[in-house]
C-alpha atoms as a PDB file:
ATOM      1  CA  MET A   1     213.164 104.225 246.867  1.00  0.00           C
ATOM      2  CA  PHE A   2     213.136 102.583 243.421  1.00  0.00           C
ATOM      3  CA  ALA A   3     213.780 105.892 241.623  1.00  0.00           C
ATOM      4  CA  ASN A   4     217.185 106.145 243.235  1.00  0.00           C
ATOM      5  CA  LEU A   5     218.031 102.615 242.142  1.00  0.00           C
ATOM      6  CA  ILE A   6     217.964 104.027 238.624  1.00  0.00           C
ATOM      7  CA  SER A   7     219.201 107.558 239.216  1.00  0.00           C
ATOM      8  CA  ARG A   8     222.146 106.511 241.387  1.00  0.00           C
ATOM      9  CA  TYR A   9     223.983 105.089 238.375  1.00  0.00           C
ATOM     10  CA  PHE A  10     223.609 108.335 236.464  1.00  0.00           C
ATOM     11  CA  TYR A  11     224.629 110.263 239.557  1.00  0.00           C
ATOM     12  CA  LEU A  12     227.771 108.187 240.120  1.00  0.00           C
ATOM     13  CA  ALA A  13     228.667 108.492 236.459  1.00  0.00           C
ATOM     14  CA  ILE A  14     228.806 112.270 236.646  1.00  0.00           C
ATOM     15  CA  THR A  15     230.355 112.570 240.111  1.00  0.00           C
ATOM     16  CA  GLY A  16     232.540 109.499 240.450  1.00  0.00           C
ATOM     17  CA  LEU A  17     233.185 107.602 243.666  1.00  0.00           C
ATOM     18  CA  CYS A  18     234.472 110.589 245.581  1.00  0.00           C
ATOM     19  CA  PHE A  19     236.460 108.782 248.255  1.00  0.00           C
ATOM     20  CA  SER A  20     238.798 111.795 248.487  1.00  0.00           C
ATOM     21  CA  CYS A  21     236.074 114.379 249.195  1.00  0.00           C
ATOM     22  CA  THR A  22     237.195 114.695 252.802  1.00  0.00           C
ATOM     23  CA  SER A  23     240.434 114.143 254.622  1.00  0.00           C
ATOM     24  CA  SER A  24     238.826 112.727 257.771  1.00  0.00           C
ATOM     25  CA  THR A  25     239.418 109.010 257.142  1.00  0.00           C
ATOM     26  CA  PRO A  26     240.488 106.884 254.158  1.00  0.00           C
ATOM     27  CA  ASP A  27     237.033 105.305 253.900  1.00  0.00           C
ATOM     28  CA  SER A  28     235.094 108.557 253.797  1.00  0.00           C
ATOM     29  CA  VAL A  29     232.559 109.076 251.043  1.00  0.00           C
ATOM     30  CA  GLY A  30     231.589 112.684 251.512  1.00  0.00           C
ATOM     31  CA  SER A  31     232.161 116.189 252.789  1.00  0.00           C
ATOM     32  CA  PHE A  32     230.298 119.121 254.301  1.00  0.00           C
ATOM     33  CA  GLU A  33     228.941 122.101 252.374  1.00  0.00           C
ATOM     34  CA  LYS A  34     228.039 125.073 254.575  1.00  0.00           C
ATOM     35  CA  LEU A  35     225.714 127.720 253.137  1.00  0.00           C
ATOM     36  CA  ASP A  36     224.864 129.564 256.348  1.00  0.00           C
ATOM     37  CA  PRO A  37     226.731 130.138 259.649  1.00  0.00           C
ATOM     38  CA  GLU A  38     223.898 128.368 261.492  1.00  0.00           C
ATOM     39  CA  PHE A  39     225.174 125.131 259.941  1.00  0.00           C
ATOM     40  CA  ASP A  40     227.908 125.178 262.597  1.00  0.00           C
ATOM     41  CA  ALA A  41     225.257 124.862 265.300  1.00  0.00           C
ATOM     42  CA  VAL A  42     224.215 121.548 263.796  1.00  0.00           C
ATOM     43  CA  ILE A  43     227.387 119.915 262.518  1.00  0.00           C
ATOM     44  CA  SER A  44     230.799 120.448 264.060  1.00  0.00           C
ATOM     45  CA  GLY A  45     233.667 121.596 261.882  1.00  0.00           C
ATOM     46  CA  SER A  46     235.568 118.508 263.039  1.00  0.00           C
ATOM     47  CA  ALA A  47     232.787 116.076 262.093  1.00  0.00           C
ATOM     48  CA  SER A  48     233.670 113.055 259.979  1.00  0.00           C
ATOM     49  CA  ILE A  49     231.826 110.605 257.772  1.00  0.00           C
ATOM     50  CA  GLN A  50     232.500 106.951 258.500  1.00  0.00           C
ATOM     51  CA  ILE A  51     231.437 103.838 256.578  1.00  0.00           C
ATOM     52  CA  ILE A  52     230.130 101.297 259.083  1.00  0.00           C
ATOM     53  CA  ALA A  53     228.548  98.773 256.695  1.00  0.00           C
ATOM     54  CA  ASP A  54     229.042  97.955 253.027  1.00  0.00           C
ATOM     55  CA  SER A  55     228.352  95.334 250.358  1.00  0.00           C
ATOM     56  CA  LEU A  56     224.626  96.144 250.346  1.00  0.00           C
ATOM     57  CA  ASP A  57     222.272  96.284 247.363  1.00  0.00           C
ATOM     58  CA  TRP A  58     220.111  99.283 248.308  1.00  0.00           C
ATOM     59  CA  SER A  59     220.090 100.271 251.956  1.00  0.00           C
ATOM     60  CA  GLU A  60     217.061 102.036 253.431  1.00  0.00           C
ATOM     61  CA  GLY A  61     214.963 102.740 256.530  1.00  0.00           C
ATOM     62  CA  PRO A  62     217.560 103.136 259.338  1.00  0.00           C
ATOM     63  CA  LEU A  63     216.231 102.872 262.890  1.00  0.00           C
ATOM     64  CA  TRP A  64     218.273 103.271 266.073  1.00  0.00           C
ATOM     65  CA  LEU A  65     217.373 101.065 269.047  1.00  0.00           C
ATOM     66  CA  GLU A  66     218.667 102.986 272.041  1.00  0.00           C
ATOM     67  CA  ASP A  67     218.214 100.246 274.630  1.00  0.00           C
ATOM     68  CA  GLN A  68     220.165  97.773 272.539  1.00  0.00           C
ATOM     69  CA  GLN A  69     222.646 100.262 271.076  1.00  0.00           C
ATOM     70  CA  THR A  70     221.769  98.737 267.723  1.00  0.00           C
ATOM     71  CA  LEU A  71     221.015 100.142 264.295  1.00  0.00           C
ATOM     72  CA  LEU A  72     218.481  98.350 262.116  1.00  0.00           C
ATOM     73  CA  PHE A  73     218.219  99.023 258.384  1.00  0.00           C
ATOM     74  CA  SER A  74     216.580  97.494 255.341  1.00  0.00           C
ATOM     75  CA  ASP A  75     218.351  96.119 252.298  1.00  0.00           C
ATOM     76  CA  ILE A  76     215.452  96.106 249.878  1.00  0.00           C
ATOM     77  CA  PRO A  77     216.400  93.818 246.947  1.00  0.00           C
ATOM     78  CA  PRO A  78     217.492  90.821 249.094  1.00  0.00           C
ATOM     79  CA  ASN A  79     214.389  91.145 251.312  1.00  0.00           C
ATOM     80  CA  THR A  80     216.476  91.539 254.467  1.00  0.00           C
ATOM     81  CA  ILE A  81     216.783  93.717 257.562  1.00  0.00           C
ATOM     82  CA  TYR A  82     220.288  93.960 258.951  1.00  0.00           C
ATOM     83  CA  LYS A  83     221.467  95.081 262.337  1.00  0.00           C
ATOM     84  CA  TRP A  84     224.697  96.880 263.172  1.00  0.00           C
ATOM     85  CA  THR A  85     226.437  97.220 266.504  1.00  0.00           C
ATOM     86  CA  ALA A  86     229.819  98.700 267.338  1.00  0.00           C
ATOM     87  CA  GLU A  87     230.944  95.321 268.661  1.00  0.00           C
ATOM     88  CA  GLY A  88     229.506  92.977 266.053  1.00  0.00           C
ATOM     89  CA  GLY A  89     229.326  95.048 262.889  1.00  0.00           C
ATOM     90  CA  LYS A  90     226.728  94.135 260.245  1.00  0.00           C
ATOM     91  CA  GLN A  91     224.644  90.996 260.765  1.00  0.00           C
ATOM     92  CA  VAL A  92     221.397  89.634 259.337  1.00  0.00           C
ATOM     93  CA  TYR A  93     218.532  90.575 261.674  1.00  0.00           C
ATOM     94  CA  LEU A  94     215.378  89.500 259.815  1.00  0.00           C
ATOM     95  CA  LYS A  95     214.714  87.627 256.568  1.00  0.00           C
ATOM     96  CA  PRO A  96     212.291  87.742 254.862  1.00  0.00           C
ATOM     97  CA  SER A  97     211.520  91.313 255.805  1.00  0.00           C
ATOM     98  CA  GLY A  98     209.100  92.640 253.197  1.00  0.00           C
ATOM     99  CA  TYR A  99     207.744  89.752 251.111  1.00  0.00           C
ATOM    100  CA  THR A 100     206.563  86.537 252.711  1.00  0.00           C
ATOM    101  CA  SER A 101     204.884  84.707 249.826  1.00  0.00           C
ATOM    102  CA  ASN A 102     206.503  81.774 248.023  1.00  0.00           C
ATOM    103  CA  LEU A 103     205.237  83.070 244.663  1.00  0.00           C
ATOM    104  CA  LYS A 104     207.982  84.620 242.578  1.00  0.00           C
ATOM    105  CA  ARG A 105     207.472  88.254 241.583  1.00  0.00           C
ATOM    106  CA  GLY A 106     209.524  91.185 240.361  1.00  0.00           C
ATOM    107  CA  GLY A 107     209.868  94.665 241.757  1.00  0.00           C
ATOM    108  CA  GLU A 108     211.524  95.824 244.953  1.00  0.00           C
ATOM    109  CA  ILE A 109     210.066  93.310 247.388  1.00  0.00           C
ATOM    110  CA  GLY A 110     211.899  93.926 250.656  1.00  0.00           C
ATOM    111  CA  SER A 111     211.148  96.094 253.641  1.00  0.00           C
ATOM    112  CA  ASN A 112     211.688  99.847 253.511  1.00  0.00           C
ATOM    113  CA  GLY A 113     210.888 102.260 256.358  1.00  0.00           C
ATOM    114  CA  LEU A 114     211.158 101.012 259.946  1.00  0.00           C
ATOM    115  CA  THR A 115     209.926 102.511 263.204  1.00  0.00           C
ATOM    116  CA  LEU A 116     208.772 101.565 266.700  1.00  0.00           C
ATOM    117  CA  ASN A 117     205.171 101.863 267.837  1.00  0.00           C
ATOM    118  CA  PRO A 118     204.316 103.282 271.275  1.00  0.00           C
ATOM    119  CA  GLN A 119     204.600  99.754 272.700  1.00  0.00           C
ATOM    120  CA  GLY A 120     208.177  99.470 271.463  1.00  0.00           C
ATOM    121  CA  GLU A 121     207.374  96.917 268.746  1.00  0.00           C
ATOM    122  CA  LEU A 122     208.998  96.961 265.306  1.00  0.00           C
ATOM    123  CA  VAL A 123     206.709  98.371 262.603  1.00  0.00           C
ATOM    124  CA  ILE A 124     207.730  97.713 258.992  1.00  0.00           C
ATOM    125  CA  CYS A 125     206.819  99.098 255.585  1.00  0.00           C
ATOM    126  CA  GLN A 126     206.656  95.916 253.506  1.00  0.00           C
ATOM    127  CA  HIS A 127     206.950  96.533 249.782  1.00  0.00           C
ATOM    128  CA  GLY A 128     206.354  92.976 248.631  1.00  0.00           C
ATOM    129  CA  ASP A 129     203.386  92.281 250.894  1.00  0.00           C
ATOM    130  CA  ARG A 130     202.041  95.801 250.190  1.00  0.00           C
ATOM    131  CA  ARG A 131     201.237  96.537 253.801  1.00  0.00           C
ATOM    132  CA  ILE A 132     202.288  98.053 257.103  1.00  0.00           C
ATOM    133  CA  ALA A 133     202.980  95.242 259.555  1.00  0.00           C
ATOM    134  CA  LYS A 134     204.529  94.746 262.951  1.00  0.00           C
ATOM    135  CA  MET A 135     206.997  92.015 263.812  1.00  0.00           C
ATOM    136  CA  ASN A 136     205.279  89.626 266.205  1.00  0.00           C
ATOM    137  CA  ALA A 137     208.429  88.945 268.210  1.00  0.00           C
ATOM    138  CA  PRO A 138     210.636  90.764 270.739  1.00  0.00           C
ATOM    139  CA  LEU A 139     213.277  93.115 269.346  1.00  0.00           C
ATOM    140  CA  ASP A 140     216.068  91.015 270.836  1.00  0.00           C
ATOM    141  CA  LYS A 141     214.642  87.776 269.425  1.00  0.00           C
ATOM    142  CA  PRO A 142     213.596  88.694 265.887  1.00  0.00           C
ATOM    143  CA  SER A 143     211.466  86.304 263.870  1.00  0.00           C
ATOM    144  CA  PRO A 144     209.738  86.700 260.469  1.00  0.00           C
ATOM    145  CA  GLU A 145     206.299  86.533 262.035  1.00  0.00           C
ATOM    146  CA  PHE A 146     204.110  89.500 261.191  1.00  0.00           C
ATOM    147  CA  VAL A 147     200.769  91.019 262.094  1.00  0.00           C
ATOM    148  CA  THR A 148     199.121  93.170 259.437  1.00  0.00           C
ATOM    149  CA  LEU A 149     198.323  96.656 260.720  1.00  0.00           C
ATOM    150  CA  VAL A 150     196.833  97.911 257.452  1.00  0.00           C
ATOM    151  CA  ASP A 151     197.000  96.752 253.826  1.00  0.00           C
ATOM    152  CA  ASN A 152     194.228  98.571 251.977  1.00  0.00           C
ATOM    153  CA  TYR A 153     192.138 101.702 251.732  1.00  0.00           C
ATOM    154  CA  ASN A 154     188.452 101.183 250.944  1.00  0.00           C
ATOM    155  CA  GLY A 155     189.236  97.723 249.654  1.00  0.00           C
ATOM    156  CA  LYS A 156     192.064  98.792 247.315  1.00  0.00           C
ATOM    157  CA  LYS A 157     195.472  97.378 248.172  1.00  0.00           C
ATOM    158  CA  PHE A 158     198.329  99.767 248.734  1.00  0.00           C
ATOM    159  CA  ASP A 159     201.119  99.971 246.160  1.00  0.00           C
ATOM    160  CA  SER A 160     204.190  99.622 248.397  1.00  0.00           C
ATOM    161  CA  PRO A 161     204.240 101.518 251.705  1.00  0.00           C
ATOM    162  CA  ASN A 162     207.512 103.399 251.888  1.00  0.00           C
ATOM    163  CA  ASP A 163     207.961 105.320 255.137  1.00  0.00           C
ATOM    164  CA  VAL A 164     205.982 105.510 258.373  1.00  0.00           C
ATOM    165  CA  VAL A 165     205.889 107.717 261.477  1.00  0.00           C
ATOM    166  CA  PHE A 166     203.771 107.769 264.649  1.00  0.00           C
ATOM    167  CA  ASP A 167     202.274 110.878 266.190  1.00  0.00           C
ATOM    168  CA  ASN A 168     201.984 111.472 269.950  1.00  0.00           C
ATOM    169  CA  ARG A 169     198.490 109.941 270.130  1.00  0.00           C
ATOM    170  CA  GLY A 170     199.225 106.523 268.671  1.00  0.00           C
ATOM    171  CA  ASN A 171     198.114 107.230 265.096  1.00  0.00           C
ATOM    172  CA  PHE A 172     200.576 106.480 262.326  1.00  0.00           C
ATOM    173  CA  TYR A 173     201.054 108.219 259.003  1.00  0.00           C
ATOM    174  CA  PHE A 174     202.701 106.683 255.950  1.00  0.00           C
ATOM    175  CA  THR A 175     203.483 107.253 252.298  1.00  0.00           C
ATOM    176  CA  ASP A 176     202.609 104.873 249.467  1.00  0.00           C
ATOM    177  CA  PRO A 177     204.501 105.403 246.189  1.00  0.00           C
ATOM    178  CA  PRO A 178     204.641 102.690 243.500  1.00  0.00           C
ATOM    179  CA  TYR A 179     208.323 101.750 243.786  1.00  0.00           C
ATOM    180  CA  GLY A 180     207.690  98.212 245.014  1.00  0.00           C
ATOM    181  CA  LEU A 181     205.540  97.339 242.007  1.00  0.00           C
ATOM    182  CA  GLU A 182     207.361  95.695 239.128  1.00  0.00           C
ATOM    183  CA  LYS A 183     206.017  98.123 236.521  1.00  0.00           C
ATOM    184  CA  LEU A 184     205.475 101.076 238.867  1.00  0.00           C
ATOM    185  CA  VAL A 185     202.350 103.103 237.977  1.00  0.00           C
ATOM    186  CA  GLU A 186     201.813 100.927 234.875  1.00  0.00           C
ATOM    187  CA  ASP A 187     201.723  97.722 236.891  1.00  0.00           C
ATOM    188  CA  PRO A 188     198.502  95.755 236.287  1.00  0.00           C
ATOM    189  CA  ASN A 189     198.327  94.980 240.000  1.00  0.00           C
ATOM    190  CA  LYS A 190     198.173  98.632 241.004  1.00  0.00           C
ATOM    191  CA  GLU A 191     194.692  99.215 242.424  1.00  0.00           C
ATOM    192  CA  ALA A 192     194.507 102.913 243.339  1.00  0.00           C
ATOM    193  CA  PRO A 193     194.765 105.541 240.565  1.00  0.00           C
ATOM    194  CA  TYR A 194     196.956 107.806 242.722  1.00  0.00           C
ATOM    195  CA  GLN A 195     199.838 107.697 245.190  1.00  0.00           C
ATOM    196  CA  GLY A 196     198.728 108.479 248.720  1.00  0.00           C
ATOM    197  CA  VAL A 197     199.652 109.798 252.128  1.00  0.00           C
ATOM    198  CA  TYR A 198     197.569 108.062 254.791  1.00  0.00           C
ATOM    199  CA  ARG A 199     196.782 108.200 258.489  1.00  0.00           C
ATOM    200  CA  VAL A 200     195.793 105.050 260.361  1.00  0.00           C
ATOM    201  CA  THR A 201     193.622 105.462 263.462  1.00  0.00           C
ATOM    202  CA  ASN A 202     192.311 102.451 265.366  1.00  0.00           C
ATOM    203  CA  GLY A 203     193.288 100.176 262.504  1.00  0.00           C
ATOM    204  CA  LYS A 204     191.468 102.148 259.806  1.00  0.00           C
ATOM    205  CA  ALA A 205     193.252 103.958 256.973  1.00  0.00           C
ATOM    206  CA  HIS A 206     192.287 107.519 256.067  1.00  0.00           C
ATOM    207  CA  LEU A 207     193.506 109.044 252.807  1.00  0.00           C
ATOM    208  CA  LEU A 208     194.994 112.489 253.544  1.00  0.00           C
ATOM    209  CA  VAL A 209     196.742 113.477 250.295  1.00  0.00           C
ATOM    210  CA  ASP A 210     196.456 112.058 246.781  1.00  0.00           C
ATOM    211  CA  SER A 211     198.141 114.896 244.861  1.00  0.00           C
ATOM    212  CA  ILE A 212     201.827 114.148 245.498  1.00  0.00           C
ATOM    213  CA  SER A 213     203.184 112.237 242.529  1.00  0.00           C
ATOM    214  CA  ARG A 214     205.770 110.203 244.503  1.00  0.00           C
ATOM    215  CA  PRO A 215     205.270 110.637 248.270  1.00  0.00           C
ATOM    216  CA  ASN A 216     208.291 109.278 250.082  1.00  0.00           C
ATOM    217  CA  GLY A 217     209.958 110.406 253.316  1.00  0.00           C
ATOM    218  CA  ILE A 218     207.699 111.624 256.134  1.00  0.00           C
ATOM    219  CA  ALA A 219     208.394 113.210 259.533  1.00  0.00           C
ATOM    220  CA  PHE A 220     206.754 115.281 262.262  1.00  0.00           C
ATOM    221  CA  THR A 221     208.134 118.440 263.786  1.00  0.00           C
ATOM    222  CA  PRO A 222     208.957 118.041 267.509  1.00  0.00           C
ATOM    223  CA  ASP A 223     205.620 119.543 268.588  1.00  0.00           C
ATOM    224  CA  TYR A 224     203.658 117.208 266.261  1.00  0.00           C
ATOM    225  CA  LYS A 225     201.901 120.220 264.762  1.00  0.00           C
ATOM    226  CA  THR A 226     203.440 119.957 261.272  1.00  0.00           C
ATOM    227  CA  LEU A 227     204.095 117.036 258.938  1.00  0.00           C
ATOM    228  CA  ILE A 228     206.741 117.221 256.223  1.00  0.00           C
ATOM    229  CA  VAL A 229     206.545 114.923 253.196  1.00  0.00           C
ATOM    230  CA  ALA A 230     209.191 114.470 250.508  1.00  0.00           C
ATOM    231  CA  ASN A 231     208.346 114.016 246.842  1.00  0.00           C
ATOM    232  CA  SER A 232     210.853 111.791 245.075  1.00  0.00           C
ATOM    233  CA  ASP A 233     209.601 112.829 241.636  1.00  0.00           C
ATOM    234  CA  GLU A 234     212.353 114.727 239.799  1.00  0.00           C
ATOM    235  CA  ALA A 235     209.643 116.544 237.808  1.00  0.00           C
ATOM    236  CA  LYS A 236     208.175 118.008 241.033  1.00  0.00           C
ATOM    237  CA  PRO A 237     211.171 118.242 243.373  1.00  0.00           C
ATOM    238  CA  ASN A 238     209.587 119.589 246.539  1.00  0.00           C
ATOM    239  CA  TRP A 239     209.384 118.960 250.234  1.00  0.00           C
ATOM    240  CA  TYR A 240     205.825 119.716 251.372  1.00  0.00           C
ATOM    241  CA  ALA A 241     204.562 120.847 254.780  1.00  0.00           C
ATOM    242  CA  TYR A 242     201.107 120.375 256.291  1.00  0.00           C
ATOM    243  CA  ASP A 243     199.657 121.458 259.595  1.00  0.00           C
ATOM    244  CA  ILE A 244     197.743 118.934 261.687  1.00  0.00           C
ATOM    245  CA  SER A 245     194.124 119.849 262.380  1.00  0.00           C
ATOM    246  CA  GLY A 246     192.152 119.062 265.534  1.00  0.00           C
ATOM    247  CA  THR A 247     190.729 116.027 263.748  1.00  0.00           C
ATOM    248  CA  ASP A 248     194.187 114.802 262.658  1.00  0.00           C
ATOM    249  CA  SER A 249     193.675 115.849 259.053  1.00  0.00           C
ATOM    250  CA  LEU A 250     196.271 117.748 257.046  1.00  0.00           C
ATOM    251  CA  ILE A 251     195.583 121.458 256.500  1.00  0.00           C
ATOM    252  CA  ASN A 252     197.440 124.510 255.191  1.00  0.00           C
ATOM    253  CA  PRO A 253     199.395 122.645 252.475  1.00  0.00           C
ATOM    254  CA  ARG A 254     202.494 124.452 251.264  1.00  0.00           C
ATOM    255  CA  ILE A 255     205.927 123.897 249.799  1.00  0.00           C
ATOM    256  CA  PHE A 256     208.485 123.620 252.575  1.00  0.00           C
ATOM    257  CA  TYR A 257     211.352 123.855 250.068  1.00  0.00           C
ATOM    258  CA  HIS A 258     211.655 123.765 246.280  1.00  0.00           C
ATOM    259  CA  MET A 259     214.885 121.924 245.448  1.00  0.00           C
ATOM    260  CA  PRO A 260     215.846 123.940 242.326  1.00  0.00           C
ATOM    261  CA  ASP A 261     216.081 127.034 244.571  1.00  0.00           C
ATOM    262  CA  ALA A 262     219.265 125.618 246.102  1.00  0.00           C
ATOM    263  CA  PRO A 263     222.742 126.298 244.697  1.00  0.00           C
ATOM    264  CA  PHE A 264     223.375 122.565 244.318  1.00  0.00           C
ATOM    265  CA  LYS A 265     223.543 121.277 240.760  1.00  0.00           C
ATOM    266  CA  GLU A 266     222.444 117.676 241.111  1.00  0.00           C
ATOM    267  CA  LYS A 267     218.917 116.862 240.006  1.00  0.00           C
ATOM    268  CA  GLY A 268     216.483 114.461 241.605  1.00  0.00           C
ATOM    269  CA  GLY A 269     213.833 114.256 244.303  1.00  0.00           C
ATOM    270  CA  GLY A 270     213.682 113.921 248.053  1.00  0.00           C
ATOM    271  CA  ASP A 271     213.733 110.660 249.947  1.00  0.00           C
ATOM    272  CA  GLY A 272     213.700 109.896 253.678  1.00  0.00           C
ATOM    273  CA  LEU A 273     214.023 112.604 256.328  1.00  0.00           C
ATOM    274  CA  LYS A 274     214.251 113.073 260.084  1.00  0.00           C
ATOM    275  CA  ILE A 275     213.734 116.111 262.327  1.00  0.00           C
ATOM    276  CA  ASP A 276     215.740 116.522 265.528  1.00  0.00           C
ATOM    277  CA  LYS A 277     214.531 117.818 268.887  1.00  0.00           C
ATOM    278  CA  LYS A 278     215.477 121.405 268.009  1.00  0.00           C
ATOM    279  CA  GLY A 279     213.508 121.312 264.764  1.00  0.00           C
ATOM    280  CA  TYR A 280     216.432 120.950 262.359  1.00  0.00           C
ATOM    281  CA  VAL A 281     215.401 118.962 259.300  1.00  0.00           C
ATOM    282  CA  PHE A 282     217.821 116.406 257.839  1.00  0.00           C
ATOM    283  CA  ALA A 283     216.398 115.456 254.445  1.00  0.00           C
ATOM    284  CA  THR A 284     218.042 113.062 252.017  1.00  0.00           C
ATOM    285  CA  GLY A 285     217.973 114.306 248.458  1.00  0.00           C
ATOM    286  CA  PRO A 286     220.148 114.956 245.429  1.00  0.00           C
ATOM    287  CA  GLY A 287     223.800 114.861 246.404  1.00  0.00           C
ATOM    288  CA  GLY A 288     223.415 113.972 250.050  1.00  0.00           C
ATOM    289  CA  VAL A 289     221.637 115.059 253.233  1.00  0.00           C
ATOM    290  CA  TRP A 290     220.172 118.574 253.122  1.00  0.00           C
ATOM    291  CA  VAL A 291     219.984 120.436 256.438  1.00  0.00           C
ATOM    292  CA  PHE A 292     217.270 123.040 257.115  1.00  0.00           C
ATOM    293  CA  ASN A 293     216.299 125.020 260.172  1.00  0.00           C
ATOM    294  CA  LYS A 294     212.691 125.054 261.385  1.00  0.00           C
ATOM    295  CA  ASN A 295     211.952 128.071 259.168  1.00  0.00           C
ATOM    296  CA  ALA A 296     212.863 126.081 256.029  1.00  0.00           C
ATOM    297  CA  LYS A 297     216.145 127.946 255.558  1.00  0.00           C
ATOM    298  CA  LEU A 298     218.707 125.729 253.855  1.00  0.00           C
ATOM    299  CA  LEU A 299     221.841 125.748 256.011  1.00  0.00           C
ATOM    300  CA  GLY A 300     224.020 123.331 254.084  1.00  0.00           C
ATOM    301  CA  ARG A 301     224.454 119.750 253.049  1.00  0.00           C
ATOM    302  CA  VAL A 302     226.293 116.610 253.957  1.00  0.00           C
ATOM    303  CA  ARG A 303     227.542 115.793 250.498  1.00  0.00           C
ATOM    304  CA  VAL A 304     227.659 112.056 249.826  1.00  0.00           C
ATOM    305  CA  SER A 305     229.105 110.516 246.690  1.00  0.00           C
ATOM    306  CA  GLU A 306     226.566 107.685 246.753  1.00  0.00           C
ATOM    307  CA  ALA A 307     222.809 108.093 246.297  1.00  0.00           C
ATOM    308  CA  VAL A 308     221.297 108.517 249.755  1.00  0.00           C
ATOM    309  CA  SER A 309     217.923 107.185 250.883  1.00  0.00           C
ATOM    310  CA  ASN A 310     217.253 107.939 254.557  1.00  0.00           C
ATOM    311  CA  CYS A 311     218.769 108.815 257.915  1.00  0.00           C
ATOM    312  CA  ALA A 312     218.270 108.288 261.651  1.00  0.00           C
ATOM    313  CA  PHE A 313     219.435 109.966 264.858  1.00  0.00           C
ATOM    314  CA  ALA A 314     221.139 108.371 267.840  1.00  0.00           C
ATOM    315  CA  ASP A 315     222.897 109.482 271.024  1.00  0.00           C
ATOM    316  CA  ASP A 316     220.422 112.267 271.795  1.00  0.00           C
ATOM    317  CA  ASP A 317     220.729 113.643 268.244  1.00  0.00           C
ATOM    318  CA  LYS A 318     224.526 113.769 268.417  1.00  0.00           C
ATOM    319  CA  THR A 319     224.970 111.000 265.845  1.00  0.00           C
ATOM    320  CA  LEU A 320     223.409 110.652 262.399  1.00  0.00           C
ATOM    321  CA  PHE A 321     223.229 107.366 260.517  1.00  0.00           C
ATOM    322  CA  VAL A 322     222.703 107.557 256.751  1.00  0.00           C
ATOM    323  CA  THR A 323     221.760 104.779 254.340  1.00  0.00           C
ATOM    324  CA  ALA A 324     223.542 105.419 251.050  1.00  0.00           C
ATOM    325  CA  ASP A 325     223.194 102.821 248.315  1.00  0.00           C
ATOM    326  CA  ARG A 326     225.639 100.020 249.138  1.00  0.00           C
ATOM    327  CA  TYR A 327     226.779 101.687 252.370  1.00  0.00           C
ATOM    328  CA  VAL A 328     225.605 102.777 255.789  1.00  0.00           C
ATOM    329  CA  LEU A 329     227.362 105.875 257.134  1.00  0.00           C
ATOM    330  CA  LYS A 330     227.864 107.241 260.634  1.00  0.00           C
ATOM    331  CA  ILE A 331     228.318 110.965 261.186  1.00  0.00           C
ATOM    332  CA  LYS A 332     229.145 112.547 264.531  1.00  0.00           C
ATOM    333  CA  LEU A 333     227.271 115.839 264.673  1.00  0.00           C
ATOM    334  CA  ARG A 334     227.986 117.953 267.766  1.00  0.00           C
END
């Protein structure tokens, strides 16, 4: 998210590049902070944090491709999606990834959140093109050819779709903060007077929430009955929860967790998040990856010395990949 592009410099200034936070490996950039014994059920005491990719501008949107044993992730400023494999390391996968016009423009133009649709096709949040699109090419033969899935609500273009998730019926839900616009909410090209959370059904967008100031990360619980949305606004640092109604609307809005209630001192907002098969929530936020149980109890944190943006599971939830500023990290869980 664009907010972290600014806040990360302040964060690093007060914490330093903490490459000695853990004794696991020389290239580690973090440690583990346990607040509750249940944390041990999620992350092993022998877990380590490994850098698997570096020299990035602002990494985001990790997505694990199980069949190919490949991690995809966005690097937003250079308008590129990279892939990583254990054998080949980091390689360019797709460019351009988020902005396809030849007209020069400012702002964060690249791709952000990535996911697969029920057909196994790559679906991309494209900041620069201000749309949700799918790559019109096989996963193993990527090409910058895109099909627009949705780019407006009632004729008003989206700001810069940030993160996207599918439910178990083929609908997809996404967040639309202003971080891809050059002047954010003051940008003259911004068309909606709010930041939205949307559902798309049969190609049509439905506005679900317009009251979150900076909607960002989004994820379903394993039963698809609850949606959690992060707010990356430091002035309203909450993760929100909504139940899904029989008509796929959001009901029973509530705060899942209010960040200042935690013992952590860093300030900021939430970013991307994922929920594993047991209902544990891994939410990137100030200082690293916050870990909650399904009852919203904060169990601990993977502390990372770089500003983190999102995460993804692999290996049947036994591995966690984290995008963290210039790095991508790999963490063996249990």
